[in-house]
Amino acid sequence: MPYRQQIDGCFAETIGGGGLPQADFDTLCRPAAAALSAIGDDVTAGQLPAFGVVGDDDDLAPLEELAARLRGEFKRLVVLGTGGSSLGGRALAALADAPPLCFLDNLDADALDAVLADSAGTAFLAISKSGGTVDTLSQLLACLQAVRAAAGEEDLSRRFVLISEPGDNPFRQLAGRYKLPLLDHDHDIGGRYSVLSLVGLLPALVAGLDARAVRAGAREALEQALSAARGDDPAASAPAAGAALVVGLGRRGRTSSVLMPYASRLAGFAEWYCQLWAESLGKQGLGTTPLRALGPLDQHSQLQLYLDGPADKMFTLIGTQSRGRGAAIDPSTLAGQHDYLAGRSIGDVVAASFTGTSETLASHGRPLRTLHLETLDEHALGALFMHFMLETVVAARLYEVNPFDQPAVEDSKIRARRMLGAMSTEDAPAKDPPE
């Protein structure tokens, strides 16, 4: 496995009263493993394509061909999408060195204007499962009209690619009108679970990454998790154990879950995790609040709160094999102080910070899980995506909520559309009086 999970730091027997008693964990771990086994049965039956997609790479060849065209013809690809339509691809692209990608995942007038002010040599990938997400649809319309004005309507089909589910929706209507390439978003894969499909993998391919390795890592994590869940030790299945820990600790007042990777390239992964967990589990008064942090950076901004503030959090630290990596400190540059840095690499400092924070959290009775990656690459990141997707759905089954809907969010969307409709009539610019 490309990662190793350690959970001893979450138990009361290790850190004291702030942890989860081993007996409580064991009680939760059995139904968690059973839930994971049932998920495996659903995948085999073709009922969970977000997970089953890793079993077949036949869809990747045409994506690789399209990505090669976009990389060859354009200097930059702007990805229009929000939430799950963007976060997974952005998390993957962070593995690449200077990827030719720009993710406009937050609707912002100034940011969009800045992109359109210099759109020569730019292609656009617009992603919306429904084909009608108002944020992304607004961006797409603005980009279409800007490129049409600058380069002519005949250039649109070369510079735009759309992804949406089948059916009559605004994206498909625009694709038909302007003859834009349009790829199918699987109707049964929700946006926040779509990272292992074309939604996450097409941007990754444009960034120059190996999509097949992403799928292979996810497939390995799925197979190992299912095999362990069906064995004699349910806790050996990392996603089942993780779900049992988070749910059990939540019942004991640890209602926030901090994910803190010690690698800048995993900052986007932490953002992806927060949406996945929050939107899947925050229902019927249940769930825990996901929080993201970045190490070592947030040792200098958040650690004081974590250690001496409310004891309402559990922590997951993700460490990489950083020892010996990066520039080394030449002893001759030291000015007689900080000799402990002599000969140490930047990666050594990161590794020491990871260990120091882990030990400090444990000594303060804060529940701590660690995930260790030997290598941070496409294979490892694919495994992490699969781990947390499985952990989320298992937790949902323990909570007895549906992890694939988001009913409360729809109300705000309805209100926003209603307000936009009212603005179009009430706030329209006044016409000039006739001369």
Protein backbone atom coordinates (compact mmCIF):
# COMPACT_ATOMS: atom_id res chain seq x y z
CA MET A 1 0.00 0.00 0.00
CA PRO A 2 1.27 3.48 -0.80
CA TYR A 3 0.23 4.79 2.63
CA ARG A 4 0.29 3.54 6.22
CA GLN A 5 -2.31 4.52 8.82
CA GLN A 6 -1.49 4.69 12.53
CA ILE A 7 -4.35 5.15 15.00
CA ASP A 8 -2.90 4.37 18.45
CA GLY A 9 -2.87 8.08 19.26
CA CYS A 10 -6.69 8.16 19.19
CA PHE A 11 -7.29 5.77 22.08
CA ALA A 12 -7.97 6.66 25.70
CA GLU A 13 -5.54 3.93 26.73
CA THR A 14 -2.78 5.92 24.98
CA ILE A 15 -3.63 9.61 25.47
CA GLY A 16 -6.04 9.58 28.40
CA GLY A 17 -9.64 10.69 28.74
CA GLY A 18 -9.64 12.70 25.54
CA GLY A 19 -9.35 9.56 23.45
CA LEU A 20 -11.79 6.85 22.39
CA PRO A 21 -11.86 3.76 24.62
CA GLN A 22 -10.64 0.71 22.75
CA ALA A 23 -13.84 -1.16 23.58
CA ASP A 24 -15.96 1.58 21.98
CA PHE A 25 -13.78 1.49 18.88
CA ASP A 26 -14.08 -2.28 18.60
CA THR A 27 -17.86 -2.02 18.90
CA LEU A 28 -18.02 0.51 16.05
CA CYS A 29 -15.39 -1.17 13.90
CA ARG A 30 -17.43 -4.30 13.33
CA PRO A 31 -20.42 -2.54 11.70
CA ALA A 32 -17.99 -0.25 9.87
CA ALA A 33 -16.28 -3.24 8.31
CA ALA A 34 -19.65 -4.78 7.47
CA ALA A 35 -20.69 -1.53 5.81
CA LEU A 36 -17.49 -1.50 3.79
CA SER A 37 -18.05 -5.08 2.69
CA ALA A 38 -21.56 -4.12 1.56
CA ILE A 39 -20.09 -1.21 -0.40
CA GLY A 40 -17.84 -3.72 -2.13
CA ASP A 41 -20.88 -5.79 -3.06
CA ASP A 42 -22.54 -2.67 -4.48
CA VAL A 43 -19.44 -1.87 -6.53
CA THR A 44 -19.39 -5.39 -7.93
CA ALA A 45 -23.08 -5.06 -8.83
CA GLY A 46 -22.32 -1.83 -10.71
CA GLN A 47 -24.30 0.32 -8.29
CA LEU A 48 -21.51 2.68 -7.18
CA PRO A 49 -19.72 3.84 -10.36
CA ALA A 50 -17.72 6.46 -8.45
CA PHE A 51 -15.80 3.51 -7.00
CA GLY A 52 -16.26 1.01 -9.81
CA VAL A 53 -14.72 3.39 -12.37
CA VAL A 54 -11.25 2.38 -11.17
CA GLY A 55 -11.78 -1.16 -12.45
CA ASP A 56 -11.54 -0.27 -16.14
CA ASP A 57 -9.18 2.13 -17.92
CA ASP A 58 -10.76 1.87 -21.37
CA ASP A 59 -12.15 5.41 -21.04
CA LEU A 60 -8.69 6.95 -20.62
CA ALA A 61 -7.36 6.66 -24.18
CA PRO A 62 -9.70 9.31 -25.68
CA LEU A 63 -9.04 11.57 -22.69
CA GLU A 64 -5.29 11.22 -23.24
CA GLU A 65 -5.75 12.14 -26.90
CA LEU A 66 -7.83 15.21 -26.02
CA ALA A 67 -5.36 16.29 -23.35
CA ALA A 68 -2.49 16.00 -25.81
CA ARG A 69 -4.35 18.26 -28.26
CA LEU A 70 -5.05 20.87 -25.59
CA ARG A 71 -1.44 20.82 -24.40
CA GLY A 72 -0.14 21.08 -27.94
CA GLU A 73 -2.39 23.88 -29.18
CA PHE A 74 -2.74 26.12 -26.15
CA LYS A 75 -0.56 27.74 -23.53
CA ARG A 76 -3.16 27.46 -20.79
CA LEU A 77 -6.35 25.60 -19.89
CA VAL A 78 -8.87 27.46 -17.74
CA VAL A 79 -11.10 25.07 -15.80
CA LEU A 80 -14.56 26.45 -15.06
CA GLY A 81 -16.30 24.55 -12.29
CA THR A 82 -17.09 24.71 -8.61
CA GLY A 83 -17.04 22.25 -5.71
CA GLY A 84 -16.55 18.69 -6.84
CA SER A 85 -16.26 19.76 -10.47
CA SER A 86 -12.99 21.49 -9.64
CA LEU A 87 -11.48 20.46 -6.30
CA GLY A 88 -10.39 16.97 -7.35
CA GLY A 89 -8.72 18.11 -10.55
CA ARG A 90 -7.00 20.95 -8.71
CA ALA A 91 -5.75 18.56 -6.01
CA LEU A 92 -4.28 16.29 -8.68
CA ALA A 93 -2.75 19.11 -10.72
CA ALA A 94 -0.81 20.23 -7.65
CA LEU A 95 1.49 17.22 -8.20
CA ALA A 96 2.74 18.70 -11.47
CA ASP A 97 5.50 21.26 -11.83
CA ALA A 98 4.02 24.53 -13.16
CA PRO A 99 0.96 22.96 -14.78
CA PRO A 100 -0.61 25.02 -17.60
CA LEU A 101 -3.89 25.20 -15.68
CA CYS A 102 -6.00 27.88 -14.08
CA PHE A 103 -8.95 26.82 -11.90
CA LEU A 104 -11.70 29.42 -11.63
CA ASP A 105 -13.57 27.52 -8.96
CA ASN A 106 -14.84 30.52 -7.03
CA LEU A 107 -17.17 32.85 -8.89
CA ASP A 108 -15.51 36.26 -8.75
CA ALA A 109 -15.93 39.09 -11.24
CA ASP A 110 -12.38 40.44 -10.91
CA ALA A 111 -10.72 37.02 -11.25
CA LEU A 112 -12.74 36.23 -14.37
CA ASP A 113 -12.01 39.64 -15.90
CA ALA A 114 -8.29 39.09 -15.33
CA VAL A 115 -8.39 35.78 -17.23
CA LEU A 116 -10.41 37.23 -20.10
CA ALA A 117 -8.14 40.25 -20.38
CA ASP A 118 -5.44 37.91 -21.71
CA SER A 119 -7.26 34.94 -23.25
CA ALA A 120 -5.08 34.47 -26.32
CA GLY A 121 -3.66 30.97 -26.35
CA THR A 122 -6.25 29.85 -23.77
CA ALA A 123 -8.66 26.92 -23.92
CA PHE A 124 -11.60 26.43 -21.56
CA LEU A 125 -12.92 23.30 -19.86
CA ALA A 126 -16.34 23.85 -18.28
CA ILE A 127 -17.64 21.18 -15.89
CA SER A 128 -21.11 20.96 -14.37
CA LYS A 129 -22.81 17.65 -13.65
CA SER A 130 -26.28 19.17 -13.96
CA GLY A 131 -25.24 21.43 -16.80
CA GLY A 132 -26.99 24.27 -15.04
CA THR A 133 -24.89 25.24 -12.01
CA VAL A 134 -25.42 28.98 -11.99
CA ASP A 135 -21.83 29.86 -11.02
CA THR A 136 -20.28 27.78 -13.79
CA LEU A 137 -22.94 28.62 -16.35
CA SER A 138 -22.34 32.33 -15.73
CA GLN A 139 -18.61 31.86 -16.22
CA LEU A 140 -19.10 29.83 -19.37
CA LEU A 141 -21.43 32.39 -20.95
CA ALA A 142 -19.02 35.22 -20.14
CA CYS A 143 -16.08 33.30 -21.63
CA LEU A 144 -18.00 32.31 -24.74
CA GLN A 145 -19.00 35.86 -25.52
CA ALA A 146 -15.49 37.20 -24.83
CA VAL A 147 -13.79 34.66 -27.10
CA ARG A 148 -16.46 35.07 -29.78
CA ALA A 149 -15.90 38.83 -29.76
CA ALA A 150 -12.11 38.48 -29.92
CA ALA A 151 -11.65 35.53 -32.29
CA GLY A 152 -14.98 34.84 -33.95
CA GLU A 153 -17.62 32.20 -33.40
CA GLU A 154 -15.83 29.66 -35.58
CA ASP A 155 -13.02 29.45 -32.98
CA LEU A 156 -15.28 28.39 -30.12
CA SER A 157 -15.42 24.69 -31.00
CA ARG A 158 -11.62 24.50 -30.91
CA ARG A 159 -11.20 26.31 -27.61
CA PHE A 160 -14.06 25.01 -25.47
CA VAL A 161 -14.77 21.56 -24.03
CA LEU A 162 -17.84 20.91 -21.86
CA ILE A 163 -18.65 18.12 -19.43
CA SER A 164 -22.22 17.47 -18.19
CA GLU A 165 -24.60 14.59 -17.66
CA PRO A 166 -26.92 13.44 -20.47
CA GLY A 167 -30.30 15.12 -20.82
CA ASP A 168 -31.67 18.49 -21.76
CA ASN A 169 -29.70 21.11 -19.85
CA PRO A 170 -28.10 24.51 -20.54
CA PHE A 171 -24.63 23.06 -21.19
CA ARG A 172 -25.94 20.72 -23.84
CA GLN A 173 -28.00 23.47 -25.41
CA LEU A 174 -24.91 25.68 -25.67
CA ALA A 175 -22.85 22.79 -27.03
CA GLY A 176 -25.45 22.24 -29.73
CA ARG A 177 -25.72 25.90 -30.64
CA TYR A 178 -21.97 26.50 -30.95
CA LYS A 179 -20.90 22.95 -31.95
CA LEU A 180 -18.75 22.53 -28.84
CA PRO A 181 -17.18 19.20 -27.88
CA LEU A 182 -19.18 17.72 -25.00
CA LEU A 183 -18.23 14.78 -22.78
CA ASP A 184 -20.64 12.78 -20.65
CA HIS A 185 -20.58 13.11 -16.86
CA ASP A 186 -21.92 9.84 -15.43
CA HIS A 187 -25.37 10.55 -14.02
CA ASP A 188 -24.70 8.23 -11.07
CA ILE A 189 -21.42 9.86 -9.98
CA GLY A 190 -21.90 12.89 -7.75
CA GLY A 191 -19.57 15.82 -8.25
CA ARG A 192 -17.69 15.43 -4.98
CA TYR A 193 -17.07 11.73 -5.80
CA SER A 194 -15.99 12.38 -9.40
CA VAL A 195 -12.22 12.85 -9.01
CA LEU A 196 -11.41 9.37 -10.37
CA SER A 197 -13.57 9.92 -13.45
CA LEU A 198 -12.93 12.21 -16.42
CA VAL A 199 -13.83 15.20 -14.19
CA GLY A 200 -10.60 14.91 -12.23
CA LEU A 201 -8.48 12.99 -14.69
CA LEU A 202 -8.80 15.21 -17.78
CA PRO A 203 -7.27 18.23 -15.97
CA ALA A 204 -4.64 15.89 -14.52
CA LEU A 205 -3.73 14.68 -18.01
CA VAL A 206 -3.45 18.25 -19.29
CA ALA A 207 -1.10 18.89 -16.36
CA GLY A 208 1.09 16.06 -17.68
CA LEU A 209 0.22 13.51 -14.99
CA ASP A 210 -0.33 9.76 -15.31
CA ALA A 211 -4.08 9.13 -14.96
CA ARG A 212 -3.57 5.37 -15.14
CA ALA A 213 -1.34 5.53 -12.06
CA VAL A 214 -4.03 7.50 -10.21
CA ARG A 215 -6.57 4.80 -11.01
CA ALA A 216 -4.09 2.03 -10.09
CA GLY A 217 -3.47 3.56 -6.66
CA ALA A 218 -7.19 3.92 -6.04
CA ARG A 219 -7.81 0.36 -7.19
CA GLU A 220 -5.13 -1.00 -4.84
CA ALA A 221 -6.60 0.91 -1.89
CA LEU A 222 -10.09 -0.36 -2.68
CA GLU A 223 -8.99 -3.98 -3.01
CA GLN A 224 -6.95 -3.89 0.20
CA ALA A 225 -9.73 -2.19 2.17
CA LEU A 226 -12.33 -4.71 1.05
CA SER A 227 -10.08 -7.70 1.67
CA ALA A 228 -9.28 -6.54 5.20
CA ALA A 229 -12.90 -5.68 5.98
CA ARG A 230 -13.90 -9.24 5.13
CA GLY A 231 -11.10 -10.76 7.23
CA ASP A 232 -10.74 -11.58 10.91
CA ASP A 233 -9.51 -8.11 11.98
CA PRO A 234 -11.90 -5.33 10.92
CA ALA A 235 -9.48 -2.66 12.19
CA ALA A 236 -6.99 -3.77 9.52
CA SER A 237 -9.21 -2.05 6.95
CA ALA A 238 -7.96 1.52 7.09
CA PRO A 239 -11.16 3.27 5.85
CA ALA A 240 -13.37 1.22 8.21
CA ALA A 241 -11.09 1.99 11.14
CA GLY A 242 -11.00 5.68 10.21
CA ALA A 243 -14.78 5.92 10.01
CA ALA A 244 -15.19 4.17 13.36
CA LEU A 245 -12.72 6.56 14.97
CA VAL A 246 -14.31 9.74 13.66
CA VAL A 247 -17.86 8.66 14.50
CA GLY A 248 -16.86 7.36 17.93
CA LEU A 249 -14.86 10.43 18.86
CA GLY A 250 -17.66 12.67 17.57
CA ARG A 251 -20.03 11.03 20.03
CA ARG A 252 -17.57 11.95 22.79
CA GLY A 253 -17.51 15.63 21.87
CA ARG A 254 -14.75 15.65 19.25
CA THR A 255 -17.04 17.31 16.73
CA SER A 256 -14.34 18.76 14.44
CA SER A 257 -11.88 16.81 12.34
CA VAL A 258 -8.65 18.52 11.26
CA LEU A 259 -6.77 17.22 8.21
CA MET A 260 -3.22 18.59 8.22
CA PRO A 261 -0.84 17.41 5.49
CA TYR A 262 2.84 18.25 5.79
CA ALA A 263 3.33 18.94 2.08
CA SER A 264 2.28 22.03 0.14
CA ARG A 265 1.27 19.81 -2.79
CA LEU A 266 -1.45 18.29 -0.58
CA ALA A 267 -3.09 21.59 0.37
CA GLY A 268 -5.64 21.16 -2.42
CA PHE A 269 -6.28 17.59 -1.29
CA ALA A 270 -7.30 18.90 2.14
CA GLU A 271 -9.77 21.28 0.47
CA TRP A 272 -11.22 18.37 -1.53
CA TYR A 273 -11.59 16.34 1.67
CA CYS A 274 -13.47 19.14 3.44
CA GLN A 275 -16.16 19.31 0.77
CA LEU A 276 -16.45 15.53 0.55
CA TRP A 277 -16.90 15.08 4.29
CA ALA A 278 -19.08 18.13 5.00
CA GLU A 279 -21.55 17.75 2.15
CA SER A 280 -21.83 13.99 2.50
CA LEU A 281 -22.35 13.75 6.26
CA GLY A 282 -23.74 17.05 7.57
CA LYS A 283 -27.37 15.95 7.75
CA GLN A 284 -30.12 15.54 10.34
CA GLY A 285 -27.98 17.21 13.00
CA LEU A 286 -25.22 14.64 12.50
CA GLY A 287 -21.67 14.72 11.15
CA THR A 288 -18.45 16.37 12.27
CA THR A 289 -17.00 19.61 10.95
CA PRO A 290 -13.99 19.09 8.65
CA LEU A 291 -11.18 21.62 8.97
CA ARG A 292 -8.06 21.92 6.86
CA ALA A 293 -4.61 23.01 7.92
CA LEU A 294 -1.16 22.85 6.36
CA GLY A 295 2.06 21.88 8.07
CA PRO A 296 4.45 23.21 9.08
CA LEU A 297 2.77 26.55 8.21
CA ASP A 298 -0.20 26.28 10.55
CA GLN A 299 1.93 25.32 13.51
CA HIS A 300 2.50 29.07 13.60
CA SER A 301 -1.18 30.04 13.34
CA GLN A 302 -3.44 27.23 14.59
CA LEU A 303 -1.43 24.99 16.93
CA GLN A 304 -1.96 27.20 19.99
CA LEU A 305 -5.73 26.75 19.56
CA TYR A 306 -5.39 23.03 18.93
CA LEU A 307 -3.38 22.50 22.13
CA ASP A 308 -4.86 25.01 24.57
CA GLY A 309 -8.28 25.79 23.12
CA PRO A 310 -11.48 23.73 23.17
CA ALA A 311 -10.88 19.98 23.32
CA ASP A 312 -13.36 19.36 20.51
CA LYS A 313 -11.11 18.18 17.67
CA MET A 314 -9.46 15.05 16.36
CA PHE A 315 -6.45 15.34 14.08
CA THR A 316 -5.21 13.53 10.99
CA LEU A 317 -1.65 14.42 10.02
CA ILE A 318 -0.34 13.28 6.63
CA GLY A 319 3.42 12.94 6.40
CA THR A 320 5.64 12.25 3.42
CA GLN A 321 9.13 10.79 3.21
CA SER A 322 10.84 14.19 3.40
CA ARG A 323 14.04 13.29 5.25
CA GLY A 324 17.11 14.28 3.23
CA ARG A 325 15.11 16.15 0.59
CA GLY A 326 15.79 19.70 -0.56
CA ALA A 327 18.65 22.06 0.10
CA ALA A 328 21.02 21.25 2.98
CA ILE A 329 22.26 23.89 5.40
CA ASP A 330 26.02 24.40 5.03
CA PRO A 331 27.58 24.76 8.50
CA SER A 332 29.77 27.58 7.16
CA THR A 333 26.70 29.80 6.72
CA LEU A 334 25.77 29.60 10.40
CA ALA A 335 26.74 32.53 12.61
CA GLY A 336 27.66 30.58 15.70
CA GLN A 337 24.03 29.82 16.57
CA HIS A 338 21.44 27.22 15.63
CA ASP A 339 24.07 24.51 15.25
CA TYR A 340 21.31 21.92 15.29
CA LEU A 341 20.56 22.97 11.69
CA ALA A 342 24.09 22.25 10.43
CA GLY A 343 23.95 19.71 7.64
CA ARG A 344 20.20 19.35 7.87
CA SER A 345 18.06 19.52 4.76
CA ILE A 346 14.82 21.44 4.43
CA GLY A 347 13.06 18.09 4.33
CA ASP A 348 14.71 17.17 7.64
CA VAL A 349 13.17 20.27 9.23
CA VAL A 350 9.73 19.34 7.86
CA ALA A 351 10.07 15.78 9.17
CA ALA A 352 11.11 17.02 12.60
CA SER A 353 8.18 19.44 12.64
CA PHE A 354 5.78 16.61 11.79
CA THR A 355 7.11 14.44 14.59
CA GLY A 356 7.22 17.31 17.07
CA THR A 357 3.61 18.30 16.38
CA SER A 358 2.45 14.68 16.56
CA GLU A 359 4.08 14.16 19.94
CA THR A 360 2.81 17.49 21.28
CA LEU A 361 -0.78 16.76 20.28
CA ALA A 362 -0.59 13.36 21.95
CA SER A 363 0.95 14.79 25.12
CA HIS A 364 -1.98 17.22 25.36
CA GLY A 365 -4.50 14.40 25.06
CA ARG A 366 -5.61 15.34 21.53
CA PRO A 367 -6.74 12.33 19.44
CA LEU A 368 -4.25 11.88 16.61
CA ARG A 369 -4.23 9.68 13.53
CA THR A 370 -1.28 9.76 11.14
CA LEU A 371 -1.02 8.71 7.51
CA HIS A 372 2.47 8.15 6.11
CA LEU A 373 3.31 8.24 2.40
CA GLU A 374 6.56 6.74 1.17
CA THR A 375 6.22 8.65 -2.11
CA LEU A 376 3.91 11.49 -3.04
CA ASP A 377 2.93 10.71 -6.61
CA GLU A 378 -0.12 9.86 -8.71
CA HIS A 379 -0.35 6.32 -7.35
CA ALA A 380 -0.28 7.47 -3.72
CA LEU A 381 -2.74 10.30 -4.28
CA GLY A 382 -5.16 7.93 -6.03
CA ALA A 383 -5.01 5.69 -2.95
CA LEU A 384 -5.71 8.64 -0.64
CA PHE A 385 -8.73 9.69 -2.71
CA MET A 386 -10.13 6.18 -2.48
CA HIS A 387 -9.41 5.90 1.25
CA PHE A 388 -11.34 9.04 2.14
CA MET A 389 -14.20 8.32 -0.24
CA LEU A 390 -14.64 4.93 1.39
CA GLU A 391 -14.23 6.34 4.89
CA THR A 392 -16.91 8.93 4.15
CA VAL A 393 -19.47 6.46 2.83
CA VAL A 394 -18.81 4.04 5.71
CA ALA A 395 -19.31 6.90 8.20
CA ALA A 396 -22.58 7.77 6.45
CA ARG A 397 -23.80 4.22 6.94
CA LEU A 398 -22.91 4.40 10.63
CA TYR A 399 -24.84 7.68 10.87
CA GLU A 400 -27.63 6.22 8.69
CA VAL A 401 -27.62 9.18 6.30
CA ASN A 402 -27.39 9.33 2.50
CA PRO A 403 -23.84 10.39 1.54
CA PHE A 404 -24.77 11.18 -2.05
CA ASP A 405 -27.30 14.00 -1.71
CA GLN A 406 -27.22 17.55 -0.33
CA PRO A 407 -30.85 18.57 0.21
CA ALA A 408 -30.17 21.63 2.37
CA VAL A 409 -27.97 23.24 -0.30
CA GLU A 410 -30.77 23.31 -2.86
CA ASP A 411 -32.70 25.95 -0.90
CA SER A 412 -29.96 28.56 -1.31
CA LYS A 413 -29.73 27.82 -5.04
CA ILE A 414 -33.48 28.34 -5.46
CA ARG A 415 -33.31 31.63 -3.55
CA ALA A 416 -30.36 32.85 -5.65
CA ARG A 417 -32.15 32.09 -8.92
CA ARG A 418 -35.27 33.83 -7.64
CA MET A 419 -33.25 36.92 -6.74
CA LEU A 420 -31.53 36.96 -10.13
CA GLY A 421 -34.92 36.82 -11.80
CA ALA A 422 -36.12 39.74 -9.72
CA MET A 423 -32.98 41.74 -10.45
CA SER A 424 -33.48 41.32 -14.19
CA THR A 425 -36.77 43.18 -14.00
CA GLU A 426 -36.44 45.51 -11.03
CA ASP A 427 -32.80 46.50 -11.34
CA ALA A 428 -32.44 46.73 -15.13
CA PRO A 429 -30.64 49.91 -16.24
CA ALA A 430 -33.04 52.69 -17.13
CA LYS A 431 -33.38 53.42 -20.83
CA ASP A 432 -32.29 56.80 -22.13
CA PRO A 433 -35.24 59.11 -22.66
CA PRO A 434 -36.19 59.69 -26.29
CA GLU A 435 -34.71 62.82 -27.85
